């Protein structure tokens, strides 16, 4: 066999064009990096899998510059509820607060979301998608990764899984892409993870479910009695009913003891289950499939220049809708770090923080999904009764009521102490390692703007009613300029200095009022007074909170953790 020749050299190769790979391609492309995405499917898989996204992920899509386009095809501010078989509402979740600038609960139809994301890549000429190309193997060295791929006829879901820890033999017709980094977004049966020999730990659950996707026929209006996302807590058949845009709807039914995959997937069985909720003559069944859900996490997410993301790194049960969203978070965390390493704004060690930051949060989401599964799918009548009594009691109890109704059980975008890139928390409620809220800001002309639009794509220093640069040296500012740093002063709504003459706003500083109060409120909750400076990472997580006069030391710590020579060391060297 002839040795394959390298046909292109790029910054990053991505394997897999699902939501994780698409999001990563957008974020890297927006930063000017060259990217090739390999996708074995000639066309998108035509059925929905994920159905839900949250405010944190819409914020990420905002960072990718495509949130407004995506939300046009979403049902925003969706209501979630837990029902008993007789129709009683056991609990209802209606979240109206927007701490991250977007609605908290949103429903979509995945083929539309993926199409919009894919079409949006056309804005980046240095990003290309190669459909019908299947990853076969890779070879990495100190300088980069050679990624081999062949023409594919599409998915072969029944094919034998790749052998763990074994590099596949060369194949006829292989071509080679050369990249500085390689990211596997190739799903739960990741061929890249298999070649790396990385195990997944966790478990698969014994109770399978059947997912049934339907669409009301043209001219029909037969789903208006199902307006919410509902968990139907029926001991005889736990059920999920999920509204989707444009007349689409999803049902999921848990298989009970003795029910087989073959029986449940029969058209007549599917119609019988649907008939309890809809007029089956007025809908089209798009898909019916029995599946078993997994709760698994890869033991290692990085091997040299190769990374795992999305389902290749973790498989999340569907009960809190975080499978896709966890992958989008992976992409956001990894994108700016790859960019920094490629542009010399950080040394390679920064990339180790990808796993230390993301793995615990992904595992927490998996654990929450398992708890929710146990809550909604209890088949034991006694345990079901106890669950119902406990939930009704919690709804009448202050504190517990808010815990449930405001979804405070969901893991916050906050990294574990000692596991994140940043300075240690100064107190338990500190902001270090936590994602900043995204309030609506206003300038002197009262023009509204979301915080992230003011922050840009690099680092930011935010002063709480103070110029964050006031204690920084010229050397500090020079080094921060290399990181595309922006400087903001943030005032409470109506809190600008007034009643006395003042000089114009200093050059290079923007001043804003926090009109929705989210940031200022969080500063005060954490015990920070006016004059405090927040050093914010490109992904809007807080690197450090510095009290007046301590900002220079915090900046030096940032530069040290990035592996850059600090201003102090430069002075010592001179």
Protein backbone atom coordinates (compact mmCIF):
# COMPACT_ATOMS: atom_id res chain seq x y z
CA UNK A 1 0.00 0.00 0.00
CA UNK A 2 1.26 3.43 -0.91
CA UNK A 3 1.95 5.80 1.97
CA UNK A 4 -0.80 8.43 2.22
CA UNK A 5 0.31 11.98 1.61
CA UNK A 6 -0.71 14.99 3.66
CA UNK A 7 -3.31 16.98 1.71
CA UNK A 8 -3.77 19.85 4.18
CA UNK A 9 -2.26 21.31 7.34
CA UNK A 10 -4.54 23.16 9.78
CA UNK A 11 -4.68 24.27 13.39
CA UNK A 12 -7.36 21.82 14.53
CA UNK A 13 -9.04 18.74 13.09
CA UNK A 14 -12.41 17.75 14.56
CA UNK A 15 -13.93 14.29 14.12
CA UNK A 16 -17.73 14.45 14.25
CA UNK A 17 -20.27 17.04 13.11
CA UNK A 18 -22.79 16.77 15.92
CA UNK A 19 -23.66 19.74 18.14
CA UNK A 20 -20.35 19.51 20.02
CA UNK A 21 -18.20 19.47 16.89
CA UNK A 22 -20.30 22.19 15.26
CA UNK A 23 -20.05 24.46 18.30
CA UNK A 24 -16.30 23.94 18.56
CA UNK A 25 -15.85 24.68 14.85
CA UNK A 26 -17.78 27.95 15.26
CA UNK A 27 -15.81 29.06 18.31
CA UNK A 28 -12.44 28.26 16.72
CA UNK A 29 -13.43 29.78 13.39
CA UNK A 30 -14.56 32.99 15.07
CA UNK A 31 -11.09 33.24 16.59
CA UNK A 32 -9.48 32.97 13.16
CA UNK A 33 -8.15 29.42 13.47
CA UNK A 34 -8.07 27.01 10.54
CA UNK A 35 -10.25 23.95 11.10
CA UNK A 36 -11.33 20.83 9.21
CA UNK A 37 -14.28 18.78 10.42
CA UNK A 38 -14.53 15.15 9.34
CA UNK A 39 -18.02 13.65 9.27
CA UNK A 40 -18.70 10.13 8.09
CA UNK A 41 -22.36 10.83 7.28
CA UNK A 42 -22.94 12.28 3.79
CA UNK A 43 -26.04 14.02 5.20
CA UNK A 44 -27.34 14.91 8.63
CA UNK A 45 -29.10 12.17 10.55
CA UNK A 46 -32.68 13.19 9.95
CA UNK A 47 -34.19 12.51 13.37
CA UNK A 48 -34.15 14.41 16.63
CA UNK A 49 -32.11 13.21 19.58
CA UNK A 50 -31.57 16.18 21.87
CA UNK A 51 -34.61 18.42 22.45
CA UNK A 52 -33.57 20.88 25.17
CA UNK A 53 -31.04 23.62 25.78
CA UNK A 54 -30.58 26.02 28.66
CA UNK A 55 -29.52 29.61 29.25
CA UNK A 56 -25.88 28.70 29.80
CA UNK A 57 -25.64 27.07 26.39
CA UNK A 58 -27.51 29.87 24.62
CA UNK A 59 -24.85 32.13 26.11
CA UNK A 60 -22.23 29.91 24.46
CA UNK A 61 -24.08 30.09 21.15
CA UNK A 62 -24.06 33.87 21.66
CA UNK A 63 -20.27 33.69 21.98
CA UNK A 64 -20.24 31.74 18.72
CA UNK A 65 -22.26 34.51 17.08
CA UNK A 66 -25.24 32.35 16.18
CA UNK A 67 -27.67 32.48 19.13
CA UNK A 68 -30.15 34.80 17.45
CA UNK A 69 -30.38 32.52 14.41
CA UNK A 70 -30.84 29.40 16.54
CA UNK A 71 -33.53 30.83 18.78
CA UNK A 72 -35.75 31.65 15.80
CA UNK A 73 -36.53 27.93 15.65
CA UNK A 74 -36.89 27.35 19.40
CA UNK A 75 -39.70 27.37 21.91
CA UNK A 76 -38.29 29.73 24.52
CA UNK A 77 -39.24 29.89 28.20
CA UNK A 78 -40.68 26.39 28.17
CA UNK A 79 -42.67 25.12 31.15
CA UNK A 80 -41.70 21.79 32.70
CA UNK A 81 -44.00 19.76 34.88
CA UNK A 82 -44.32 16.48 36.73
CA UNK A 83 -47.76 14.90 36.40
CA UNK A 84 -49.55 12.04 38.08
CA UNK A 85 -51.56 9.57 35.94
CA UNK A 86 -54.84 11.34 36.82
CA UNK A 87 -53.50 14.66 35.48
CA UNK A 88 -52.65 16.23 38.85
CA UNK A 89 -49.66 18.56 38.60
CA UNK A 90 -47.20 17.26 41.17
CA UNK A 91 -44.72 20.05 40.48
CA UNK A 92 -44.23 22.71 37.86
CA UNK A 93 -41.03 24.50 36.86
CA UNK A 94 -41.43 27.99 35.42
CA UNK A 95 -38.18 29.98 35.40
CA UNK A 96 -38.48 33.62 34.39
CA UNK A 97 -35.14 34.92 35.71
CA UNK A 98 -32.36 35.44 33.17
CA UNK A 99 -29.10 35.46 35.18
CA UNK A 100 -27.09 34.51 32.08
CA UNK A 101 -28.94 36.78 29.68
CA UNK A 102 -31.15 34.13 28.05
CA UNK A 103 -34.28 32.12 28.87
CA UNK A 104 -33.55 29.21 31.19
CA UNK A 105 -35.50 26.42 29.46
CA UNK A 106 -35.86 26.06 25.70
CA UNK A 107 -37.01 23.33 23.32
CA UNK A 108 -35.81 22.73 19.78
CA UNK A 109 -35.89 20.25 16.91
CA UNK A 110 -32.34 18.95 16.44
CA UNK A 111 -32.26 18.66 12.63
CA UNK A 112 -33.06 22.39 12.42
CA UNK A 113 -30.46 23.29 15.04
CA UNK A 114 -27.74 21.29 13.30
CA UNK A 115 -28.62 22.69 9.89
CA UNK A 116 -28.43 26.28 11.18
CA UNK A 117 -25.09 25.59 12.88
CA UNK A 118 -23.67 23.94 9.77
CA UNK A 119 -24.87 26.68 7.42
CA UNK A 120 -23.38 29.28 9.76
CA UNK A 121 -19.87 27.90 9.26
CA UNK A 122 -19.89 29.41 5.76
CA UNK A 123 -18.94 32.75 7.38
CA UNK A 124 -15.48 31.32 8.17
CA UNK A 125 -13.52 30.61 4.96
CA UNK A 126 -10.76 28.91 6.94
CA UNK A 127 -13.22 26.31 8.35
CA UNK A 128 -14.19 23.42 6.10
CA UNK A 129 -16.47 20.42 6.55
CA UNK A 130 -15.70 17.16 4.76
CA UNK A 131 -18.80 15.01 4.70
CA UNK A 132 -18.57 11.38 3.81
CA UNK A 133 -15.07 11.16 5.27
CA UNK A 134 -14.52 8.71 8.09
CA UNK A 135 -11.66 8.85 10.60
CA UNK A 136 -9.56 5.68 10.55
CA UNK A 137 -6.50 6.27 12.74
CA UNK A 138 -4.08 8.94 13.94
CA UNK A 139 -0.39 9.32 14.71
CA UNK A 140 0.74 12.10 17.02
CA UNK A 141 4.18 13.50 17.70
CA UNK A 142 5.69 16.45 19.52
CA UNK A 143 4.62 18.93 16.84
CA UNK A 144 1.15 17.77 15.86
CA UNK A 145 -1.21 14.99 14.80
CA UNK A 146 -1.58 13.18 11.48
CA UNK A 147 -5.24 12.22 11.06
CA UNK A 148 -6.05 9.53 8.50
CA UNK A 149 -9.47 9.29 6.89
CA UNK A 150 -11.22 7.46 4.05
CA UNK A 151 -14.35 7.83 2.00
CA UNK A 152 -17.38 6.59 3.91
CA UNK A 153 -20.75 5.34 2.85
CA UNK A 154 -22.27 6.60 6.04
CA UNK A 155 -22.94 5.13 9.44
CA UNK A 156 -22.82 1.43 9.97
CA UNK A 157 -24.33 1.19 13.41
CA UNK A 158 -24.17 -2.57 13.48
CA UNK A 159 -20.48 -2.78 12.72
CA UNK A 160 -18.08 -4.15 15.29
CA UNK A 161 -16.93 -1.60 17.81
CA UNK A 162 -13.28 -0.51 17.58
CA UNK A 163 -10.84 -2.47 19.74
CA UNK A 164 -9.75 -0.63 22.87
CA UNK A 165 -6.10 0.41 22.79
CA UNK A 166 -5.46 -0.83 19.25
CA UNK A 167 -4.34 1.38 16.38
CA UNK A 168 -6.21 0.22 13.24
CA UNK A 169 -4.19 -1.01 10.29
CA UNK A 170 -3.78 1.32 7.29
CA UNK A 171 -6.66 1.18 4.84
CA UNK A 172 -6.81 1.53 1.09
CA UNK A 173 -7.56 5.07 -0.04
CA UNK A 174 -6.47 6.82 3.17
CA UNK A 175 -5.79 10.52 3.08
CA UNK A 176 -4.00 12.53 5.74
CA UNK A 177 -4.76 15.79 7.49
CA UNK A 178 -2.04 17.37 9.57
CA UNK A 179 -3.07 19.43 12.59
CA UNK A 180 -1.58 20.95 15.70
CA UNK A 181 -4.46 19.47 17.73
CA UNK A 182 -7.12 16.82 17.18
CA UNK A 183 -10.50 16.81 18.96
CA UNK A 184 -12.74 13.74 19.00
CA UNK A 185 -16.43 14.66 18.95
CA UNK A 186 -17.33 11.28 17.47
CA UNK A 187 -19.92 10.07 19.96
CA UNK A 188 -20.35 7.37 22.54
CA UNK A 189 -18.64 4.71 20.40
CA UNK A 190 -15.69 6.99 19.73
CA UNK A 191 -13.08 5.40 17.50
CA UNK A 192 -10.55 7.98 18.69
CA UNK A 193 -11.14 7.10 22.35
CA UNK A 194 -10.78 3.43 21.48
CA UNK A 195 -7.43 3.96 19.76
CA UNK A 196 -6.21 5.87 22.81
CA UNK A 197 -7.22 2.93 25.00
CA UNK A 198 -9.26 5.11 27.34
CA UNK A 199 -11.90 3.34 29.43
CA UNK A 200 -15.25 4.75 30.46
CA UNK A 201 -16.51 4.24 33.99
CA UNK A 202 -20.10 4.24 35.25
CA UNK A 203 -23.01 2.02 34.35
CA UNK A 204 -25.73 1.28 31.85
CA UNK A 205 -29.27 1.01 33.18
CA UNK A 206 -31.35 -2.16 32.83
CA UNK A 207 -34.71 -0.52 32.03
CA UNK A 208 -34.87 0.37 28.33
CA UNK A 209 -37.16 3.07 26.97
CA UNK A 210 -38.81 3.53 23.61
CA UNK A 211 -38.59 6.98 22.04
CA UNK A 212 -41.35 7.90 19.59
CA UNK A 213 -41.06 11.07 17.51
CA UNK A 214 -44.22 12.28 15.79
CA UNK A 215 -45.38 15.24 13.73
CA UNK A 216 -48.93 16.37 13.30
CA UNK A 217 -50.14 16.07 9.73
CA UNK A 218 -50.59 19.17 7.59
CA UNK A 219 -53.80 20.99 8.42
CA UNK A 220 -54.21 19.30 11.80
CA UNK A 221 -54.15 20.91 15.23
CA UNK A 222 -54.10 17.84 17.42
CA UNK A 223 -51.32 18.59 19.92
CA UNK A 224 -52.53 21.81 21.53
CA UNK A 225 -53.61 19.89 24.66
CA UNK A 226 -49.93 18.97 25.25
CA UNK A 227 -48.32 22.42 25.63
CA UNK A 228 -45.58 21.55 28.16
CA UNK A 229 -42.66 19.28 28.72
CA UNK A 230 -44.20 16.69 31.03
CA UNK A 231 -42.80 13.86 33.08
CA UNK A 232 -45.79 11.58 33.70
CA UNK A 233 -45.00 9.75 36.92
CA UNK A 234 -47.10 6.65 36.23
CA UNK A 235 -45.93 3.51 38.10
CA UNK A 236 -47.54 1.36 35.39
CA UNK A 237 -45.70 3.16 32.57
CA UNK A 238 -43.42 6.16 33.29
CA UNK A 239 -43.76 8.50 30.32
CA UNK A 240 -42.17 11.65 28.90
CA UNK A 241 -44.19 14.04 26.70
CA UNK A 242 -42.18 16.79 25.02
CA UNK A 243 -43.49 19.55 22.80
CA UNK A 244 -41.19 20.69 19.99
CA UNK A 245 -41.37 23.43 17.33
CA UNK A 246 -43.35 23.25 14.09
CA UNK A 247 -45.77 20.50 15.08
CA UNK A 248 -43.16 18.03 16.27
CA UNK A 249 -43.61 16.10 19.49
CA UNK A 250 -41.75 13.39 21.37
CA UNK A 251 -42.98 10.63 23.65
CA UNK A 252 -40.83 8.26 25.64
CA UNK A 253 -42.22 5.19 27.41
CA UNK A 254 -40.31 3.01 29.85
CA UNK A 255 -40.44 -0.68 29.07
CA UNK A 256 -41.88 -2.73 31.91
CA UNK A 257 -40.79 -6.25 32.92
CA UNK A 258 -41.53 -8.77 30.19
CA UNK A 259 -41.77 -6.21 27.36
CA UNK A 260 -39.33 -6.82 24.53
CA UNK A 261 -37.67 -4.50 22.04
CA UNK A 262 -39.23 -6.40 19.14
CA UNK A 263 -42.74 -6.07 20.53
CA UNK A 264 -42.45 -2.41 21.50
CA UNK A 265 -41.13 -1.32 18.09
CA UNK A 266 -44.04 -2.90 16.19
CA UNK A 267 -46.15 -0.17 14.53
CA UNK A 268 -49.33 -1.45 16.17
CA UNK A 269 -47.72 -1.32 19.62
CA UNK A 270 -46.44 2.21 19.04
CA UNK A 271 -49.89 3.35 17.89
CA UNK A 272 -51.51 1.77 20.94
CA UNK A 273 -49.21 3.68 23.31
CA UNK A 274 -49.66 6.94 21.44
CA UNK A 275 -53.44 6.63 21.37
CA UNK A 276 -53.59 7.32 25.10
CA UNK A 277 -52.42 10.87 24.39
CA UNK A 278 -53.08 11.75 20.72
CA UNK A 279 -55.33 10.93 17.79
CA UNK A 280 -52.97 8.60 15.94
CA UNK A 281 -54.79 9.22 12.66
CA UNK A 282 -53.75 12.88 12.75
CA UNK A 283 -50.01 12.38 13.28
CA UNK A 284 -47.11 10.85 11.40
CA UNK A 285 -44.69 8.60 13.28
CA UNK A 286 -41.18 9.70 12.28
CA UNK A 287 -39.22 7.33 14.45
CA UNK A 288 -39.66 4.65 17.11
CA UNK A 289 -36.61 3.16 18.74
CA UNK A 290 -35.87 1.24 21.92
CA UNK A 291 -32.69 2.30 23.67
CA UNK A 292 -30.82 1.80 26.93
CA UNK A 293 -29.32 4.87 28.50
CA UNK A 294 -25.81 5.09 29.89
CA UNK A 295 -24.14 7.08 32.64
CA UNK A 296 -20.46 6.89 31.70
CA UNK A 297 -17.40 9.17 31.93
CA UNK A 298 -14.04 8.71 30.22
CA UNK A 299 -11.15 8.26 32.63
CA UNK A 300 -8.95 10.62 30.63
CA UNK A 301 -9.98 13.48 28.32
CA UNK A 302 -6.57 14.42 26.97
CA UNK A 303 -3.71 12.42 25.53
CA UNK A 304 -0.95 14.70 24.24
CA UNK A 305 -2.47 16.67 21.38
CA UNK A 306 -5.69 14.66 21.24
CA UNK A 307 -8.84 15.57 23.20
CA UNK A 308 -12.24 13.98 23.82
CA UNK A 309 -15.40 16.07 23.92
CA UNK A 310 -19.15 15.49 24.04
CA UNK A 311 -20.39 11.90 24.15
CA UNK A 312 -16.86 10.70 23.43
CA UNK A 313 -15.95 11.99 26.92
CA UNK A 314 -19.22 11.44 28.81
CA UNK A 315 -22.62 9.87 28.21
CA UNK A 316 -25.47 11.51 30.11
CA UNK A 317 -28.94 10.04 30.71
CA UNK A 318 -31.69 12.10 29.15
CA UNK A 319 -33.70 13.02 32.24
CA UNK A 320 -32.43 16.58 32.73
CA UNK A 321 -31.66 17.20 29.05
CA UNK A 322 -27.95 17.81 29.58
CA UNK A 323 -26.32 15.40 27.13
CA UNK A 324 -25.94 17.84 24.25
CA UNK A 325 -25.50 20.78 26.57
CA UNK A 326 -22.58 19.13 28.36
CA UNK A 327 -20.84 18.74 24.99
CA UNK A 328 -21.46 22.39 24.14
CA UNK A 329 -19.87 23.34 27.47
CA UNK A 330 -16.88 21.15 26.61
CA UNK A 331 -16.44 23.00 23.31
CA UNK A 332 -16.59 26.39 25.03
CA UNK A 333 -14.03 25.45 27.65
CA UNK A 334 -11.63 23.90 25.15
CA UNK A 335 -11.90 26.46 22.32
CA UNK A 336 -10.31 29.46 24.02
CA UNK A 337 -7.58 27.32 25.54
CA UNK A 338 -6.63 25.84 22.17
CA UNK A 339 -6.64 29.35 20.75
CA UNK A 340 -4.34 30.61 23.52
CA UNK A 341 -1.91 27.71 23.07
CA UNK A 342 -1.83 28.12 19.29
CA UNK A 343 -1.24 31.89 19.46
CA UNK A 344 1.42 31.76 22.15
CA UNK A 345 -0.81 33.38 24.78
CA UNK A 346 -0.36 30.42 27.11
CA UNK A 347 1.86 27.41 27.35
CA UNK A 348 0.59 23.89 26.78
CA UNK A 349 -0.13 23.29 30.47
CA UNK A 350 -3.28 25.41 30.23
CA UNK A 351 -4.86 22.60 28.20
CA UNK A 352 -4.65 20.26 31.20
CA UNK A 353 -7.28 22.38 32.93
CA UNK A 354 -9.86 21.26 30.34
CA UNK A 355 -10.36 17.91 32.05
CA UNK A 356 -9.92 19.16 35.61
CA UNK A 357 -12.61 21.79 35.06
CA UNK A 358 -15.10 19.97 32.88
CA UNK A 359 -15.04 16.38 34.16
CA UNK A 360 -16.43 17.07 37.68
CA UNK A 361 -19.21 19.28 36.29
CA UNK A 362 -20.15 16.71 33.64
CA UNK A 363 -20.20 13.99 36.31
CA UNK A 364 -22.44 16.16 38.51
CA UNK A 365 -24.92 16.50 35.62
CA UNK A 366 -24.88 12.73 35.14
CA UNK A 367 -25.58 12.19 38.84
CA UNK A 368 -28.47 14.66 38.70
CA UNK A 369 -29.90 12.81 35.69
CA UNK A 370 -29.79 9.54 37.61
CA UNK A 371 -31.61 11.13 40.56
CA UNK A 372 -34.26 12.53 38.21
CA UNK A 373 -34.64 9.13 36.55
CA UNK A 374 -35.25 7.54 39.93
CA UNK A 375 -37.77 10.27 40.76
CA UNK A 376 -39.92 10.04 37.62
CA UNK A 377 -39.67 6.32 36.80
CA UNK A 378 -40.47 4.73 40.15
CA UNK A 379 -42.65 1.69 39.41
CA UNK A 380 -43.17 0.61 43.01
CA UNK A 381 -46.62 1.89 44.15
CA UNK A 382 -45.50 2.45 47.76
CA UNK A 383 -42.41 4.40 46.74
CA UNK A 384 -44.52 6.37 44.27
CA UNK A 385 -46.91 7.37 47.05
CA UNK A 386 -44.03 8.43 49.30
CA UNK A 387 -42.55 10.48 46.45
CA UNK A 388 -45.86 12.26 45.90
CA UNK A 389 -46.31 13.08 49.60
CA UNK A 390 -42.72 14.33 49.90
CA UNK A 391 -43.07 16.54 46.80
CA UNK A 392 -46.37 18.06 47.94
CA UNK A 393 -44.80 18.79 51.35
CA UNK A 394 -41.75 20.39 49.74
CA UNK A 395 -43.98 22.65 47.62
CA UNK A 396 -45.57 24.01 50.81
CA UNK A 397 -42.26 24.51 52.64
CA UNK A 398 -40.37 27.82 52.22
CA UNK A 399 -36.83 27.19 51.07
CA UNK A 400 -37.64 23.78 49.66
CA UNK A 401 -40.30 25.35 47.44
CA UNK A 402 -37.78 27.79 45.99
CA UNK A 403 -35.19 25.02 45.67
CA UNK A 404 -37.55 23.11 43.40
CA UNK A 405 -39.31 25.91 41.53
CA UNK A 406 -36.07 27.77 40.72
CA UNK A 407 -34.18 24.59 39.78
CA UNK A 408 -31.50 25.19 42.40
CA UNK A 409 -30.80 21.46 42.32
CA UNK A 410 -29.05 21.95 38.98
CA UNK A 411 -25.23 22.16 39.24
CA UNK A 412 -24.08 25.77 38.87
CA UNK A 413 -21.48 26.85 36.28
CA UNK A 414 -18.90 26.79 39.05
CA UNK A 415 -15.75 24.71 39.11
CA UNK A 416 -14.59 22.62 42.03
CA UNK A 417 -12.07 24.20 44.35
CA UNK A 418 -8.53 23.35 43.28
CA UNK A 419 -9.67 22.10 39.85
CA UNK A 420 -9.83 25.30 37.84
CA UNK A 421 -7.55 27.77 36.10
CA UNK A 422 -7.59 30.74 38.44
CA UNK A 423 -6.79 31.91 41.94
CA UNK A 424 -8.27 30.04 44.93
CA UNK A 425 -11.56 31.26 46.35
CA UNK A 426 -11.07 33.77 49.11
CA UNK A 427 -14.25 32.58 50.80
CA UNK A 428 -16.82 29.84 50.38
CA UNK A 429 -19.18 32.08 48.42
CA UNK A 430 -16.39 33.66 46.38
CA UNK A 431 -16.64 34.29 42.65
CA UNK A 432 -13.33 32.70 41.64
CA UNK A 433 -13.93 29.72 39.35
CA UNK A 434 -17.55 30.72 38.76
CA UNK A 435 -19.12 32.03 35.59
CA UNK A 436 -20.19 35.67 35.86
CA UNK A 437 -23.87 36.44 35.38
CA UNK A 438 -24.68 38.25 32.14
CA UNK A 439 -26.77 41.33 32.93
CA UNK A 440 -28.20 43.83 30.50
CA UNK A 441 -25.98 46.93 30.55
CA UNK A 442 -26.65 50.51 29.55
CA UNK A 443 -24.24 53.26 28.54
CA UNK A 444 -24.71 57.01 29.08
CA UNK A 445 -27.12 57.12 26.13
CA UNK A 446 -29.14 54.28 27.73
CA UNK A 447 -28.36 51.94 24.88
CA UNK A 448 -28.80 48.31 26.09
CA UNK A 449 -26.13 45.69 25.64
CA UNK A 450 -25.52 42.24 27.08
CA UNK A 451 -22.37 42.04 29.18
CA UNK A 452 -20.51 39.59 26.94
CA UNK A 453 -20.78 41.94 23.98
CA UNK A 454 -18.89 44.53 26.01
CA UNK A 455 -16.28 42.01 27.19
CA UNK A 456 -15.11 40.89 23.74
CA UNK A 457 -13.32 37.59 23.16
CA UNK A 458 -10.22 38.02 25.32
CA UNK A 459 -9.66 38.67 29.01
CA UNK A 460 -11.42 41.49 30.80
CA UNK A 461 -10.85 43.49 33.95
CA UNK A 462 -14.09 44.74 35.48
CA UNK A 463 -13.94 47.39 38.16
CA UNK A 464 -16.84 47.67 40.60
CA UNK A 465 -17.43 51.44 40.39
CA UNK A 466 -13.72 51.97 39.76
CA UNK A 467 -11.28 52.09 36.84
CA UNK A 468 -9.72 48.60 37.08
CA UNK A 469 -6.41 49.91 35.74
CA UNK A 470 -5.78 52.46 38.46
CA UNK A 471 -3.18 50.42 40.36
CA UNK A 472 -1.60 48.67 37.37
CA UNK A 473 1.83 49.62 36.02
CA UNK A 474 2.63 50.38 32.40
CA UNK A 475 4.40 46.99 32.22
CA UNK A 476 1.26 45.22 33.50
CA UNK A 477 -0.89 46.95 30.91
CA UNK A 478 1.57 46.14 28.14
CA UNK A 479 1.42 42.43 28.92
CA UNK A 480 -2.37 42.45 29.28
CA UNK A 481 -2.60 44.06 25.86
CA UNK A 482 -1.02 40.91 24.42
CA UNK A 483 -4.03 39.00 25.77
CA UNK A 484 -6.57 41.29 24.04
CA UNK A 485 -7.73 42.54 27.43
CA UNK A 486 -10.64 44.95 27.79
CA UNK A 487 -11.32 47.26 30.73
CA UNK A 488 -14.79 48.03 32.06
CA UNK A 489 -16.21 49.96 34.96
CA UNK A 490 -19.54 48.64 36.18
CA UNK A 491 -21.97 50.74 38.25
CA UNK A 492 -25.29 49.78 39.81
CA UNK A 493 -28.32 51.09 37.94
CA UNK A 494 -28.52 54.79 38.79
CA UNK A 495 -25.15 54.63 40.52
CA UNK A 496 -22.93 56.75 38.26
CA UNK A 497 -21.00 59.56 39.95
CA UNK A 498 -23.02 62.77 39.65
CA UNK A 499 -23.30 66.34 40.95
CA UNK A 500 -19.74 67.38 40.19
CA UNK A 501 -17.60 68.13 37.18
CA UNK A 502 -15.50 65.23 36.01
CA UNK A 503 -13.09 64.53 33.24
CA UNK A 504 -14.22 62.49 30.26
CA UNK A 505 -13.98 58.72 30.32
CA UNK A 506 -10.30 57.69 30.13
CA UNK A 507 -9.17 56.22 26.83
CA UNK A 508 -9.50 52.46 26.63
CA UNK A 509 -12.17 52.25 29.33
CA UNK A 510 -15.90 51.66 28.87
CA UNK A 511 -18.41 52.55 31.58
CA UNK A 512 -21.71 50.77 32.07
CA UNK A 513 -24.64 50.48 34.44
CA UNK A 514 -25.86 47.02 35.41
CA UNK A 515 -29.54 47.54 34.59
CA UNK A 516 -30.77 44.06 35.50
CA UNK A 517 -28.52 44.03 38.58
CA UNK A 518 -27.25 40.47 38.17
CA UNK A 519 -23.51 41.22 38.40
CA UNK A 520 -23.68 43.85 41.10
CA UNK A 521 -25.96 41.61 43.16
CA UNK A 522 -23.53 38.70 42.87
CA UNK A 523 -20.56 40.94 43.81
CA UNK A 524 -22.36 42.05 46.95
CA UNK A 525 -23.54 38.53 47.85
CA UNK A 526 -19.91 37.42 47.78
CA UNK A 527 -18.91 40.29 50.05
CA UNK A 528 -17.13 42.53 47.53
CA UNK A 529 -17.40 46.27 47.96
CA UNK A 530 -16.92 49.10 45.49
CA UNK A 531 -13.33 49.30 44.31
CA UNK A 532 -13.04 45.54 43.77
CA UNK A 533 -11.62 44.32 40.44
CA UNK A 534 -12.69 41.08 38.71
CA UNK A 535 -10.26 39.43 36.28
CA UNK A 536 -12.46 37.50 33.85
CA UNK A 537 -11.33 34.68 31.55
CA UNK A 538 -12.38 34.56 27.87
CA UNK A 539 -15.11 32.05 28.78
CA UNK A 540 -16.57 34.49 31.36
CA UNK A 541 -15.37 32.50 34.35
CA UNK A 542 -13.68 34.56 37.03
CA UNK A 543 -9.92 34.12 37.36
CA UNK A 544 -9.54 36.38 40.39
CA UNK A 545 -11.28 38.95 42.57
CA UNK A 546 -8.86 41.62 43.73
CA UNK A 547 -9.48 44.18 46.44
CA UNK A 548 -8.13 47.72 45.92
CA UNK A 549 -4.37 47.65 45.57
CA UNK A 550 -4.16 43.87 45.01
CA UNK A 551 -4.89 43.92 41.27
CA UNK A 552 -1.17 43.99 40.24
CA UNK A 553 -0.45 40.80 42.17
CA UNK A 554 -3.51 39.11 40.65
CA UNK A 555 -2.39 40.10 37.15
CA UNK A 556 1.08 38.68 37.83
CA UNK A 557 -0.53 35.43 38.98
CA UNK A 558 -2.53 35.29 35.75
CA UNK A 559 0.60 35.69 33.65
CA UNK A 560 2.45 33.10 35.72
CA UNK A 561 -0.33 30.52 35.36
CA UNK A 562 -0.36 31.13 31.61
CA UNK A 563 3.36 30.41 31.56
CA UNK A 564 4.22 33.92 30.38
CA UNK A 565 7.11 36.02 31.73
CA UNK A 566 5.66 38.54 34.12
CA UNK A 567 6.39 42.22 34.29
CA UNK A 568 8.05 41.70 37.66
CA UNK A 569 10.42 39.12 36.23
CA UNK A 570 11.19 41.35 33.27
CA UNK A 571 12.18 44.11 35.65
CA UNK A 572 14.32 41.71 37.69
CA UNK A 573 16.01 40.44 34.53
CA UNK A 574 16.86 43.97 33.45
